[in-house]
Amino acid sequence: MPWNTIRLMALISYLLGAAVVLGGLRQYLTSDSKIGLYVALAIIVVGPVEDLLNMIISGGEISEEERRYYMALVNHLTSIGFLVLLGLILRENRL
């Protein structure tokens, strides 16, 4: 299996995510707009927060059915959080 390709894609993903988060925080800290903060939070929610929660679930001593349930729950909750933050970006942009 081409695991080196997967590792490379993961590295690129983390680097791009970090760049977007830092750029968003910089924009938030240097302007009156909250858009940069919302962008940074959106990336954090669907990136490291989702990954951390899924790692905790995967490492727990629960049945496979419960594991699938909780991982689906995390997926949907982080997606909802991401979409709420995107909605806040659109709302902020109208102001």
N, C-alpha and C. Protein backbone atom coordinates (compact mmCIF):
# COMPACT_ATOMS: atom_id res chain seq x y z
N MET A 1 0.84 -1.19 0.00
CA MET A 1 0.00 0.00 0.00
C MET A 1 0.88 1.25 0.00
N PRO A 2 0.43 2.28 -0.67
CA PRO A 2 1.24 3.52 -0.76
C PRO A 2 1.05 4.43 0.45
N TRP A 3 1.49 3.97 1.63
CA TRP A 3 1.32 4.75 2.84
C TRP A 3 2.11 6.06 2.81
N ASN A 4 3.20 6.10 2.05
CA ASN A 4 3.95 7.35 1.95
C ASN A 4 3.09 8.45 1.34
N THR A 5 2.25 8.08 0.38
CA THR A 5 1.33 9.05 -0.23
C THR A 5 0.35 9.57 0.81
N ILE A 6 -0.18 8.68 1.63
CA ILE A 6 -1.13 9.08 2.68
C ILE A 6 -0.44 10.00 3.69
N ARG A 7 0.77 9.65 4.07
CA ARG A 7 1.51 10.49 5.02
C ARG A 7 1.80 11.88 4.44
N LEU A 8 2.15 11.91 3.16
CA LEU A 8 2.41 13.19 2.50
C LEU A 8 1.13 14.04 2.46
N MET A 9 0.01 13.42 2.11
CA MET A 9 -1.26 14.15 2.07
C MET A 9 -1.64 14.66 3.46
N ALA A 10 -1.40 13.86 4.49
CA ALA A 10 -1.68 14.29 5.86
C ALA A 10 -0.81 15.48 6.25
N LEU A 11 0.46 15.44 5.90
CA LEU A 11 1.37 16.54 6.19
C LEU A 11 0.92 17.82 5.48
N ILE A 12 0.59 17.71 4.21
CA ILE A 12 0.12 18.87 3.46
C ILE A 12 -1.16 19.42 4.09
N SER A 13 -2.06 18.52 4.47
CA SER A 13 -3.31 18.93 5.09
C SER A 13 -3.06 19.69 6.39
N TYR A 14 -2.19 19.17 7.25
CA TYR A 14 -1.88 19.84 8.51
C TYR A 14 -1.21 21.19 8.28
N LEU A 15 -0.28 21.26 7.34
CA LEU A 15 0.41 22.52 7.07
C LEU A 15 -0.55 23.57 6.51
N LEU A 16 -1.41 23.18 5.57
CA LEU A 16 -2.39 24.12 5.03
C LEU A 16 -3.38 24.56 6.10
N GLY A 17 -3.82 23.61 6.92
CA GLY A 17 -4.74 23.95 8.01
C GLY A 17 -4.11 24.93 8.98
N ALA A 18 -2.85 24.68 9.35
CA ALA A 18 -2.15 25.59 10.26
C ALA A 18 -1.99 26.97 9.65
N ALA A 19 -1.67 27.03 8.36
CA ALA A 19 -1.52 28.32 7.69
C ALA A 19 -2.83 29.09 7.67
N VAL A 20 -3.93 28.39 7.39
CA VAL A 20 -5.24 29.06 7.36
C VAL A 20 -5.64 29.53 8.77
N VAL A 21 -5.41 28.69 9.77
CA VAL A 21 -5.74 29.08 11.14
C VAL A 21 -4.92 30.30 11.57
N LEU A 22 -3.62 30.27 11.32
CA LEU A 22 -2.77 31.41 11.69
C LEU A 22 -3.16 32.66 10.91
N GLY A 23 -3.46 32.51 9.63
CA GLY A 23 -3.90 33.66 8.83
C GLY A 23 -5.22 34.21 9.34
N GLY A 24 -6.14 33.33 9.69
CA GLY A 24 -7.43 33.77 10.22
C GLY A 24 -7.28 34.50 11.54
N LEU A 25 -6.44 33.96 12.43
CA LEU A 25 -6.22 34.62 13.72
C LEU A 25 -5.53 35.97 13.54
N ARG A 26 -4.58 36.03 12.61
CA ARG A 26 -3.90 37.30 12.35
C ARG A 26 -4.90 38.33 11.83
N GLN A 27 -5.77 37.91 10.93
CA GLN A 27 -6.78 38.83 10.39
C GLN A 27 -7.71 39.30 11.51
N TYR A 28 -8.11 38.39 12.37
CA TYR A 28 -9.00 38.75 13.47
C TYR A 28 -8.33 39.75 14.41
N LEU A 29 -7.06 39.52 14.72
CA LEU A 29 -6.36 40.39 15.66
C LEU A 29 -6.01 41.75 15.08
N THR A 30 -5.97 41.88 13.77
CA THR A 30 -5.56 43.14 13.15
C THR A 30 -6.70 43.89 12.48
N SER A 31 -7.94 43.41 12.64
CA SER A 31 -9.07 44.11 12.01
C SER A 31 -10.27 44.08 12.94
N ASP A 32 -11.31 44.79 12.54
CA ASP A 32 -12.54 44.82 13.33
C ASP A 32 -13.43 43.62 13.03
N SER A 33 -13.09 42.85 12.04
CA SER A 33 -13.93 41.74 11.58
C SER A 33 -13.67 40.46 12.37
N LYS A 34 -14.73 39.71 12.61
CA LYS A 34 -14.61 38.41 13.28
C LYS A 34 -14.46 37.27 12.28
N ILE A 35 -14.45 37.57 11.00
CA ILE A 35 -14.41 36.53 9.97
C ILE A 35 -13.18 35.64 10.14
N GLY A 36 -12.03 36.23 10.37
CA GLY A 36 -10.80 35.44 10.54
C GLY A 36 -10.90 34.47 11.70
N LEU A 37 -11.52 34.92 12.80
CA LEU A 37 -11.71 34.05 13.97
C LEU A 37 -12.63 32.88 13.61
N TYR A 38 -13.71 33.17 12.92
CA TYR A 38 -14.65 32.11 12.53
C TYR A 38 -14.00 31.10 11.60
N VAL A 39 -13.19 31.58 10.67
CA VAL A 39 -12.48 30.67 9.76
C VAL A 39 -11.53 29.78 10.56
N ALA A 40 -10.77 30.37 11.46
CA ALA A 40 -9.83 29.59 12.27
C ALA A 40 -10.56 28.55 13.10
N LEU A 41 -11.65 28.94 13.73
CA LEU A 41 -12.41 27.99 14.55
C LEU A 41 -13.02 26.88 13.71
N ALA A 42 -13.50 27.22 12.52
CA ALA A 42 -14.08 26.20 11.63
C ALA A 42 -13.05 25.14 11.28
N ILE A 43 -11.84 25.57 10.95
CA ILE A 43 -10.78 24.63 10.60
C ILE A 43 -10.39 23.78 11.82
N ILE A 44 -10.32 24.41 12.98
CA ILE A 44 -9.96 23.68 14.20
C ILE A 44 -11.02 22.63 14.54
N VAL A 45 -12.29 22.98 14.38
CA VAL A 45 -13.38 22.04 14.70
C VAL A 45 -13.34 20.81 13.81
N VAL A 46 -13.21 21.00 12.49
CA VAL A 46 -13.25 19.83 11.59
C VAL A 46 -11.89 19.18 11.41
N GLY A 47 -10.86 19.76 12.00
CA GLY A 47 -9.53 19.17 11.92
C GLY A 47 -9.15 18.51 13.23
N PRO A 48 -8.36 19.19 14.04
CA PRO A 48 -7.82 18.57 15.25
C PRO A 48 -8.88 18.14 16.27
N VAL A 49 -9.96 18.90 16.42
CA VAL A 49 -10.98 18.51 17.40
C VAL A 49 -11.64 17.20 16.99
N GLU A 50 -12.04 17.11 15.72
CA GLU A 50 -12.67 15.87 15.24
C GLU A 50 -11.69 14.70 15.32
N ASP A 51 -10.45 14.93 14.93
CA ASP A 51 -9.44 13.86 15.00
C ASP A 51 -9.23 13.38 16.43
N LEU A 52 -9.13 14.32 17.37
CA LEU A 52 -8.92 13.97 18.78
C LEU A 52 -10.09 13.15 19.32
N LEU A 53 -11.31 13.61 19.06
CA LEU A 53 -12.48 12.88 19.54
C LEU A 53 -12.54 11.48 18.95
N ASN A 54 -12.24 11.35 17.66
CA ASN A 54 -12.26 10.03 17.03
C ASN A 54 -11.16 9.13 17.59
N MET A 55 -10.00 9.70 17.93
CA MET A 55 -8.94 8.91 18.56
C MET A 55 -9.38 8.39 19.93
N ILE A 56 -10.04 9.26 20.69
CA ILE A 56 -10.53 8.85 22.01
C ILE A 56 -11.55 7.72 21.85
N ILE A 57 -12.45 7.87 20.90
CA ILE A 57 -13.47 6.84 20.66
C ILE A 57 -12.81 5.53 20.22
N SER A 58 -11.86 5.62 19.30
CA SER A 58 -11.20 4.42 18.78
C SER A 58 -10.43 3.67 19.86
N GLY A 59 -9.89 4.40 20.82
CA GLY A 59 -9.10 3.78 21.87
C GLY A 59 -9.91 3.25 23.03
N GLY A 60 -11.19 3.59 23.05
CA GLY A 60 -12.04 3.16 24.16
C GLY A 60 -12.43 1.69 24.07
N GLU A 61 -12.79 1.15 25.21
CA GLU A 61 -13.21 -0.25 25.25
C GLU A 61 -14.73 -0.32 25.12
N ILE A 62 -15.20 -0.14 23.89
CA ILE A 62 -16.62 -0.20 23.58
C ILE A 62 -16.82 -1.13 22.40
N SER A 63 -18.06 -1.52 22.18
CA SER A 63 -18.34 -2.43 21.08
C SER A 63 -18.14 -1.72 19.74
N GLU A 64 -17.99 -2.51 18.69
CA GLU A 64 -17.82 -1.94 17.35
C GLU A 64 -19.05 -1.13 16.95
N GLU A 65 -20.22 -1.58 17.34
CA GLU A 65 -21.45 -0.85 17.02
C GLU A 65 -21.46 0.52 17.72
N GLU A 66 -21.07 0.55 19.00
CA GLU A 66 -21.00 1.82 19.72
C GLU A 66 -19.93 2.72 19.11
N ARG A 67 -18.82 2.15 18.72
CA ARG A 67 -17.73 2.92 18.11
C ARG A 67 -18.23 3.61 16.83
N ARG A 68 -18.91 2.84 15.98
CA ARG A 68 -19.45 3.42 14.74
C ARG A 68 -20.46 4.52 15.05
N TYR A 69 -21.30 4.29 16.06
CA TYR A 69 -22.30 5.28 16.46
C TYR A 69 -21.64 6.58 16.90
N TYR A 70 -20.69 6.48 17.83
CA TYR A 70 -20.05 7.68 18.36
C TYR A 70 -19.21 8.40 17.31
N MET A 71 -18.57 7.65 16.43
CA MET A 71 -17.79 8.30 15.37
C MET A 71 -18.72 9.03 14.39
N ALA A 72 -19.88 8.44 14.09
CA ALA A 72 -20.86 9.13 13.24
C ALA A 72 -21.39 10.37 13.95
N LEU A 73 -21.63 10.26 15.26
CA LEU A 73 -22.10 11.41 16.03
C LEU A 73 -21.08 12.54 16.00
N VAL A 74 -19.83 12.22 16.23
CA VAL A 74 -18.76 13.23 16.17
C VAL A 74 -18.71 13.86 14.78
N ASN A 75 -18.79 13.05 13.75
CA ASN A 75 -18.76 13.56 12.39
C ASN A 75 -19.88 14.57 12.15
N HIS A 76 -21.09 14.22 12.58
CA HIS A 76 -22.22 15.12 12.35
C HIS A 76 -22.13 16.38 13.22
N LEU A 77 -21.72 16.23 14.47
CA LEU A 77 -21.60 17.40 15.34
C LEU A 77 -20.53 18.37 14.86
N THR A 78 -19.40 17.85 14.42
CA THR A 78 -18.35 18.75 13.92
C THR A 78 -18.77 19.38 12.60
N SER A 79 -19.51 18.65 11.78
CA SER A 79 -20.02 19.24 10.54
C SER A 79 -21.00 20.37 10.84
N ILE A 80 -21.87 20.15 11.82
CA ILE A 80 -22.82 21.20 12.22
C ILE A 80 -22.05 22.42 12.73
N GLY A 81 -21.05 22.20 13.58
CA GLY A 81 -20.25 23.31 14.08
C GLY A 81 -19.57 24.07 12.95
N PHE A 82 -19.02 23.33 11.99
CA PHE A 82 -18.37 23.94 10.83
C PHE A 82 -19.37 24.80 10.05
N LEU A 83 -20.56 24.25 9.80
CA LEU A 83 -21.57 24.99 9.03
C LEU A 83 -22.09 26.20 9.78
N VAL A 84 -22.24 26.10 11.10
CA VAL A 84 -22.65 27.26 11.89
C VAL A 84 -21.60 28.36 11.77
N LEU A 85 -20.34 27.99 11.86
CA LEU A 85 -19.27 28.99 11.73
C LEU A 85 -19.26 29.61 10.33
N LEU A 86 -19.50 28.82 9.29
CA LEU A 86 -19.60 29.38 7.94
C LEU A 86 -20.79 30.33 7.85
N GLY A 87 -21.90 29.98 8.49
CA GLY A 87 -23.05 30.88 8.53
C GLY A 87 -22.71 32.20 9.22
N LEU A 88 -21.95 32.13 10.30
CA LEU A 88 -21.52 33.35 10.98
C LEU A 88 -20.62 34.20 10.08
N ILE A 89 -19.81 33.55 9.27
CA ILE A 89 -18.97 34.29 8.31
C ILE A 89 -19.85 35.05 7.34
N LEU A 90 -20.87 34.37 6.80
CA LEU A 90 -21.78 35.04 5.87
C LEU A 90 -22.52 36.18 6.55
N ARG A 91 -22.95 35.97 7.78
CA ARG A 91 -23.65 37.02 8.53
C ARG A 91 -22.73 38.21 8.79
N GLU A 92 -21.51 37.93 9.20
CA GLU A 92 -20.54 38.99 9.48
C GLU A 92 -20.22 39.77 8.21
N ASN A 93 -20.16 39.07 7.09
CA ASN A 93 -19.82 39.71 5.82
C ASN A 93 -20.90 40.69 5.38
N ARG A 94 -22.15 40.48 5.81
CA ARG A 94 -23.24 41.38 5.44
C ARG A 94 -23.24 42.66 6.26
N LEU A 95 -22.60 42.63 7.42
CA LEU A 95 -22.63 43.80 8.31
C LEU A 95 -21.80 44.94 7.80
